Amino acid sequence: EVQLVESGGGLVQPGGSLRLSCAASGFTFSNYYMSWVRHAPGKGLEWVSTINPGGGSTFYTDSVKGRFTISRDNAKNTVDLQMDDLKPEDTANYSCNILQYWGQGTQVTVSS
């Protein structure tokens, strides 16, 4: 059974940083691309970032390029999202994703 458990969300002021982490189990983690997606109130699901199985290739939606960094640890079956220079429009529930599976997500709120 695929399980994805996110952590690390919270309330942060604009310009601040957070590091999200996703612990994965139930599949061969090192074989798969992993992604982060987000869902803000009143908006649809938005893809944020993807990392390839080896960790050497990363992809970002334009609005987070230069501010967010995705990484993975295949020994620990984790994928992280370092978020810097956060903006109010980054407020959303963030989930990690593989194929048709999503975790429950972790809430990120950017507000002064």
N, C-alpha and C. Protein backbone atom coordinates (compact mmCIF):
# COMPACT_ATOMS: atom_id res chain seq x y z
N GLU A 1 0.84 -1.19 0.00
CA GLU A 1 0.00 0.00 0.00
C GLU A 1 0.88 1.24 0.00
N VAL A 2 0.63 2.10 -0.96
CA VAL A 2 1.40 3.35 -1.04
C VAL A 2 0.97 4.28 0.09
N GLN A 3 1.94 4.81 0.81
CA GLN A 3 1.67 5.81 1.84
C GLN A 3 2.61 6.98 1.67
N LEU A 4 2.04 8.17 1.75
CA LEU A 4 2.80 9.41 1.65
C LEU A 4 2.39 10.29 2.83
N VAL A 5 3.36 10.68 3.65
CA VAL A 5 3.06 11.45 4.85
C VAL A 5 3.91 12.72 4.84
N GLU A 6 3.22 13.85 4.74
CA GLU A 6 3.91 15.14 4.68
C GLU A 6 4.01 15.77 6.05
N SER A 7 5.02 16.61 6.21
CA SER A 7 5.21 17.36 7.45
C SER A 7 5.96 18.64 7.14
N GLY A 8 5.97 19.55 8.12
CA GLY A 8 6.78 20.75 8.00
C GLY A 8 6.05 22.03 7.70
N GLY A 9 4.75 21.96 7.49
CA GLY A 9 4.01 23.17 7.21
C GLY A 9 3.86 24.05 8.44
N GLY A 10 3.27 25.23 8.23
CA GLY A 10 3.04 26.13 9.35
C GLY A 10 2.71 27.52 8.87
N LEU A 11 2.73 28.45 9.83
CA LEU A 11 2.48 29.87 9.57
C LEU A 11 3.81 30.60 9.51
N VAL A 12 4.01 31.36 8.45
CA VAL A 12 5.26 32.08 8.29
C VAL A 12 4.97 33.45 7.69
N GLN A 13 5.80 34.42 8.01
CA GLN A 13 5.64 35.76 7.47
C GLN A 13 6.17 35.82 6.04
N PRO A 14 5.66 36.76 5.25
CA PRO A 14 6.21 36.93 3.90
C PRO A 14 7.72 37.12 3.96
N GLY A 15 8.41 36.47 3.03
CA GLY A 15 9.87 36.49 3.01
C GLY A 15 10.51 35.40 3.82
N GLY A 16 9.73 34.68 4.58
CA GLY A 16 10.26 33.61 5.41
C GLY A 16 10.48 32.32 4.66
N SER A 17 10.89 31.29 5.40
CA SER A 17 11.22 29.99 4.81
C SER A 17 10.55 28.86 5.58
N LEU A 18 10.29 27.80 4.85
CA LEU A 18 9.82 26.55 5.45
C LEU A 18 10.43 25.40 4.66
N ARG A 19 10.59 24.26 5.33
CA ARG A 19 11.06 23.06 4.66
C ARG A 19 10.03 21.96 4.88
N LEU A 20 9.43 21.51 3.79
CA LEU A 20 8.47 20.42 3.85
C LEU A 20 9.18 19.09 3.59
N SER A 21 8.66 18.05 4.20
CA SER A 21 9.21 16.72 3.99
C SER A 21 8.08 15.73 3.75
N CYS A 22 8.34 14.75 2.89
CA CYS A 22 7.37 13.70 2.60
C CYS A 22 8.05 12.35 2.80
N ALA A 23 7.49 11.54 3.67
CA ALA A 23 7.99 10.19 3.90
C ALA A 23 7.14 9.21 3.11
N ALA A 24 7.78 8.41 2.26
CA ALA A 24 7.07 7.52 1.36
C ALA A 24 7.32 6.06 1.72
N SER A 25 6.32 5.22 1.50
CA SER A 25 6.46 3.79 1.73
C SER A 25 5.47 3.04 0.86
N GLY A 26 5.72 1.74 0.71
CA GLY A 26 4.80 0.89 -0.05
C GLY A 26 5.14 0.72 -1.51
N PHE A 27 6.26 1.29 -1.94
CA PHE A 27 6.71 1.12 -3.32
C PHE A 27 8.22 1.33 -3.36
N THR A 28 8.84 1.01 -4.49
CA THR A 28 10.29 1.17 -4.63
C THR A 28 10.58 2.62 -4.97
N PHE A 29 10.81 3.39 -3.92
CA PHE A 29 10.92 4.85 -4.01
C PHE A 29 11.94 5.29 -5.06
N SER A 30 13.07 4.66 -5.09
CA SER A 30 14.17 5.11 -5.95
C SER A 30 13.89 4.91 -7.44
N ASN A 31 12.79 4.26 -7.78
CA ASN A 31 12.46 4.02 -9.18
C ASN A 31 11.55 5.08 -9.78
N TYR A 32 11.05 6.00 -8.96
CA TYR A 32 9.97 6.88 -9.41
C TYR A 32 10.29 8.36 -9.32
N TYR A 33 9.79 9.12 -10.31
CA TYR A 33 9.71 10.57 -10.18
C TYR A 33 8.78 10.89 -9.01
N MET A 34 9.12 11.93 -8.27
CA MET A 34 8.28 12.39 -7.17
C MET A 34 7.95 13.86 -7.38
N SER A 35 6.76 14.25 -6.99
CA SER A 35 6.31 15.62 -7.19
C SER A 35 5.71 16.21 -5.93
N TRP A 36 5.69 17.52 -5.91
CA TRP A 36 4.90 18.27 -4.93
C TRP A 36 3.82 19.03 -5.70
N VAL A 37 2.62 19.02 -5.13
CA VAL A 37 1.51 19.78 -5.68
C VAL A 37 0.90 20.59 -4.55
N ARG A 38 0.09 21.59 -4.89
CA ARG A 38 -0.56 22.39 -3.85
C ARG A 38 -1.98 22.72 -4.26
N HIS A 39 -2.79 22.95 -3.23
CA HIS A 39 -4.20 23.27 -3.45
C HIS A 39 -4.56 24.43 -2.54
N ALA A 40 -4.86 25.55 -3.15
CA ALA A 40 -5.26 26.73 -2.39
C ALA A 40 -6.77 26.85 -2.41
N PRO A 41 -7.36 27.44 -1.37
CA PRO A 41 -8.82 27.62 -1.32
C PRO A 41 -9.31 28.39 -2.54
N GLY A 42 -10.32 27.88 -3.20
CA GLY A 42 -10.89 28.56 -4.35
C GLY A 42 -10.11 28.38 -5.64
N LYS A 43 -9.05 27.60 -5.58
CA LYS A 43 -8.23 27.37 -6.77
C LYS A 43 -8.11 25.87 -7.02
N GLY A 44 -7.73 25.52 -8.22
CA GLY A 44 -7.53 24.12 -8.54
C GLY A 44 -6.21 23.60 -8.04
N LEU A 45 -6.00 22.30 -8.26
CA LEU A 45 -4.74 21.69 -7.89
C LEU A 45 -3.64 22.22 -8.81
N GLU A 46 -2.52 22.60 -8.21
CA GLU A 46 -1.42 23.17 -8.98
C GLU A 46 -0.16 22.34 -8.78
N TRP A 47 0.45 21.93 -9.87
CA TRP A 47 1.74 21.27 -9.81
C TRP A 47 2.80 22.29 -9.40
N VAL A 48 3.69 21.90 -8.50
CA VAL A 48 4.73 22.81 -8.01
C VAL A 48 6.12 22.39 -8.51
N SER A 49 6.47 21.11 -8.31
CA SER A 49 7.84 20.70 -8.62
C SER A 49 7.90 19.18 -8.76
N THR A 50 8.90 18.71 -9.52
CA THR A 50 9.14 17.28 -9.74
C THR A 50 10.63 17.01 -9.72
N ILE A 51 10.99 15.85 -9.22
CA ILE A 51 12.39 15.42 -9.21
C ILE A 51 12.47 14.02 -9.80
N ASN A 52 13.52 13.77 -10.57
CA ASN A 52 13.65 12.46 -11.21
C ASN A 52 14.14 11.43 -10.21
N PRO A 53 14.12 10.13 -10.58
CA PRO A 53 14.48 9.10 -9.60
C PRO A 53 15.87 9.27 -9.00
N GLY A 54 16.85 9.68 -9.78
CA GLY A 54 18.21 9.82 -9.27
C GLY A 54 18.47 11.12 -8.55
N GLY A 55 17.56 12.08 -8.69
CA GLY A 55 17.71 13.37 -8.02
C GLY A 55 18.49 14.40 -8.81
N GLY A 56 18.95 14.03 -9.99
CA GLY A 56 19.79 14.95 -10.74
C GLY A 56 19.04 15.94 -11.62
N SER A 57 17.75 15.71 -11.81
CA SER A 57 16.95 16.61 -12.63
C SER A 57 15.74 17.07 -11.84
N THR A 58 15.53 18.38 -11.85
CA THR A 58 14.42 18.97 -11.12
C THR A 58 13.65 19.93 -12.03
N PHE A 59 12.39 20.09 -11.72
CA PHE A 59 11.49 20.90 -12.54
C PHE A 59 10.58 21.69 -11.62
N TYR A 60 10.27 22.94 -12.03
CA TYR A 60 9.48 23.83 -11.18
C TYR A 60 8.47 24.59 -12.01
N THR A 61 7.32 24.88 -11.41
CA THR A 61 6.42 25.82 -12.04
C THR A 61 7.05 27.21 -11.99
N ASP A 62 6.71 28.05 -12.94
CA ASP A 62 7.40 29.34 -13.07
C ASP A 62 7.31 30.20 -11.81
N SER A 63 6.18 30.14 -11.12
CA SER A 63 5.97 31.04 -9.98
C SER A 63 6.88 30.74 -8.79
N VAL A 64 7.52 29.57 -8.75
CA VAL A 64 8.37 29.23 -7.61
C VAL A 64 9.84 29.09 -8.00
N LYS A 65 10.16 29.21 -9.28
CA LYS A 65 11.55 29.08 -9.72
C LYS A 65 12.42 30.10 -9.01
N GLY A 66 13.57 29.62 -8.51
CA GLY A 66 14.49 30.49 -7.80
C GLY A 66 14.17 30.66 -6.32
N ARG A 67 13.02 30.18 -5.89
CA ARG A 67 12.63 30.30 -4.48
C ARG A 67 12.49 28.94 -3.81
N PHE A 68 12.03 27.94 -4.54
CA PHE A 68 11.82 26.59 -4.00
C PHE A 68 12.89 25.64 -4.53
N THR A 69 13.27 24.67 -3.70
CA THR A 69 14.23 23.65 -4.11
C THR A 69 13.72 22.28 -3.68
N ILE A 70 13.57 21.37 -4.64
CA ILE A 70 13.15 20.01 -4.34
C ILE A 70 14.39 19.12 -4.24
N SER A 71 14.35 18.16 -3.32
CA SER A 71 15.46 17.23 -3.16
C SER A 71 14.89 15.90 -2.65
N ARG A 72 15.71 14.86 -2.74
CA ARG A 72 15.25 13.55 -2.26
C ARG A 72 16.41 12.79 -1.65
N ASP A 73 16.04 11.86 -0.77
CA ASP A 73 17.02 10.97 -0.16
C ASP A 73 16.50 9.55 -0.39
N ASN A 74 17.08 8.87 -1.34
CA ASN A 74 16.59 7.54 -1.68
C ASN A 74 16.91 6.49 -0.62
N ALA A 75 17.86 6.78 0.24
CA ALA A 75 18.16 5.86 1.35
C ALA A 75 17.09 5.95 2.44
N LYS A 76 16.50 7.14 2.56
CA LYS A 76 15.49 7.35 3.60
C LYS A 76 14.07 7.37 3.05
N ASN A 77 13.92 7.28 1.73
CA ASN A 77 12.60 7.34 1.10
C ASN A 77 11.87 8.63 1.43
N THR A 78 12.58 9.73 1.32
CA THR A 78 11.97 11.03 1.59
C THR A 78 12.21 11.99 0.42
N VAL A 79 11.27 12.90 0.26
CA VAL A 79 11.42 13.99 -0.70
C VAL A 79 11.06 15.28 0.02
N ASP A 80 11.92 16.27 -0.10
CA ASP A 80 11.76 17.53 0.61
C ASP A 80 11.50 18.67 -0.36
N LEU A 81 10.91 19.73 0.18
CA LEU A 81 10.72 20.95 -0.59
C LEU A 81 11.15 22.11 0.29
N GLN A 82 12.29 22.70 -0.03
CA GLN A 82 12.77 23.89 0.67
C GLN A 82 12.13 25.10 0.02
N MET A 83 11.42 25.89 0.82
CA MET A 83 10.70 27.04 0.30
C MET A 83 11.25 28.31 0.93
N ASP A 84 11.83 29.16 0.14
CA ASP A 84 12.39 30.42 0.60
C ASP A 84 11.64 31.60 0.00
N ASP A 85 11.81 32.77 0.61
CA ASP A 85 11.16 33.99 0.12
C ASP A 85 9.67 33.74 -0.13
N LEU A 86 9.01 33.19 0.85
CA LEU A 86 7.61 32.84 0.69
C LEU A 86 6.74 34.07 0.53
N LYS A 87 5.69 33.92 -0.27
CA LYS A 87 4.75 35.00 -0.57
C LYS A 87 3.34 34.58 -0.15
N PRO A 88 2.45 35.53 0.10
CA PRO A 88 1.08 35.17 0.48
C PRO A 88 0.42 34.25 -0.54
N GLU A 89 0.75 34.39 -1.80
CA GLU A 89 0.14 33.54 -2.82
C GLU A 89 0.65 32.10 -2.79
N ASP A 90 1.64 31.83 -1.96
CA ASP A 90 2.10 30.44 -1.76
C ASP A 90 1.24 29.71 -0.73
N THR A 91 0.33 30.41 -0.07
CA THR A 91 -0.55 29.79 0.91
C THR A 91 -1.38 28.69 0.26
N ALA A 92 -1.27 27.48 0.79
CA ALA A 92 -1.97 26.33 0.22
C ALA A 92 -1.69 25.11 1.07
N ASN A 93 -2.42 24.04 0.77
CA ASN A 93 -2.11 22.73 1.33
C ASN A 93 -1.17 22.03 0.34
N TYR A 94 -0.02 21.60 0.82
CA TYR A 94 1.00 21.01 -0.04
C TYR A 94 1.03 19.50 0.17
N SER A 95 1.01 18.77 -0.94
CA SER A 95 1.05 17.31 -0.88
C SER A 95 2.15 16.78 -1.79
N CYS A 96 2.71 15.65 -1.42
CA CYS A 96 3.59 14.98 -2.36
C CYS A 96 2.78 13.97 -3.16
N ASN A 97 3.31 13.63 -4.31
CA ASN A 97 2.52 12.88 -5.29
C ASN A 97 3.37 11.90 -6.08
N ILE A 98 2.84 10.72 -6.26
CA ILE A 98 3.41 9.74 -7.18
C ILE A 98 2.24 9.08 -7.90
N LEU A 99 2.29 9.12 -9.21
CA LEU A 99 1.23 8.52 -10.04
C LEU A 99 -0.12 9.04 -9.56
N GLN A 100 -1.02 8.15 -9.15
CA GLN A 100 -2.36 8.59 -8.75
C GLN A 100 -2.49 8.74 -7.23
N TYR A 101 -1.38 8.76 -6.53
CA TYR A 101 -1.40 8.82 -5.07
C TYR A 101 -0.97 10.20 -4.55
N TRP A 102 -1.69 10.66 -3.52
CA TRP A 102 -1.36 11.89 -2.83
C TRP A 102 -1.40 11.63 -1.32
N GLY A 103 -0.61 12.39 -0.58
CA GLY A 103 -0.74 12.33 0.86
C GLY A 103 -1.83 13.26 1.34
N GLN A 104 -2.01 13.32 2.67
CA GLN A 104 -3.02 14.22 3.25
C GLN A 104 -2.63 15.68 3.12
N GLY A 105 -1.34 15.91 3.02
CA GLY A 105 -0.86 17.26 2.83
C GLY A 105 -0.49 17.95 4.14
N THR A 106 0.21 19.07 3.99
CA THR A 106 0.58 19.90 5.13
C THR A 106 0.28 21.34 4.75
N GLN A 107 -0.33 22.07 5.67
CA GLN A 107 -0.80 23.43 5.38
C GLN A 107 0.34 24.44 5.53
N VAL A 108 0.48 25.27 4.53
CA VAL A 108 1.42 26.39 4.56
C VAL A 108 0.60 27.68 4.47
N THR A 109 0.79 28.55 5.44
CA THR A 109 0.10 29.84 5.45
C THR A 109 1.14 30.94 5.55
N VAL A 110 1.12 31.83 4.56
CA VAL A 110 2.07 32.94 4.52
C VAL A 110 1.29 34.23 4.77
N SER A 111 1.52 34.83 5.92
CA SER A 111 0.75 36.00 6.31
C SER A 111 1.50 36.80 7.34
N SER A 112 1.31 38.11 7.29
CA SER A 112 1.91 38.97 8.31
C SER A 112 0.92 39.21 9.45
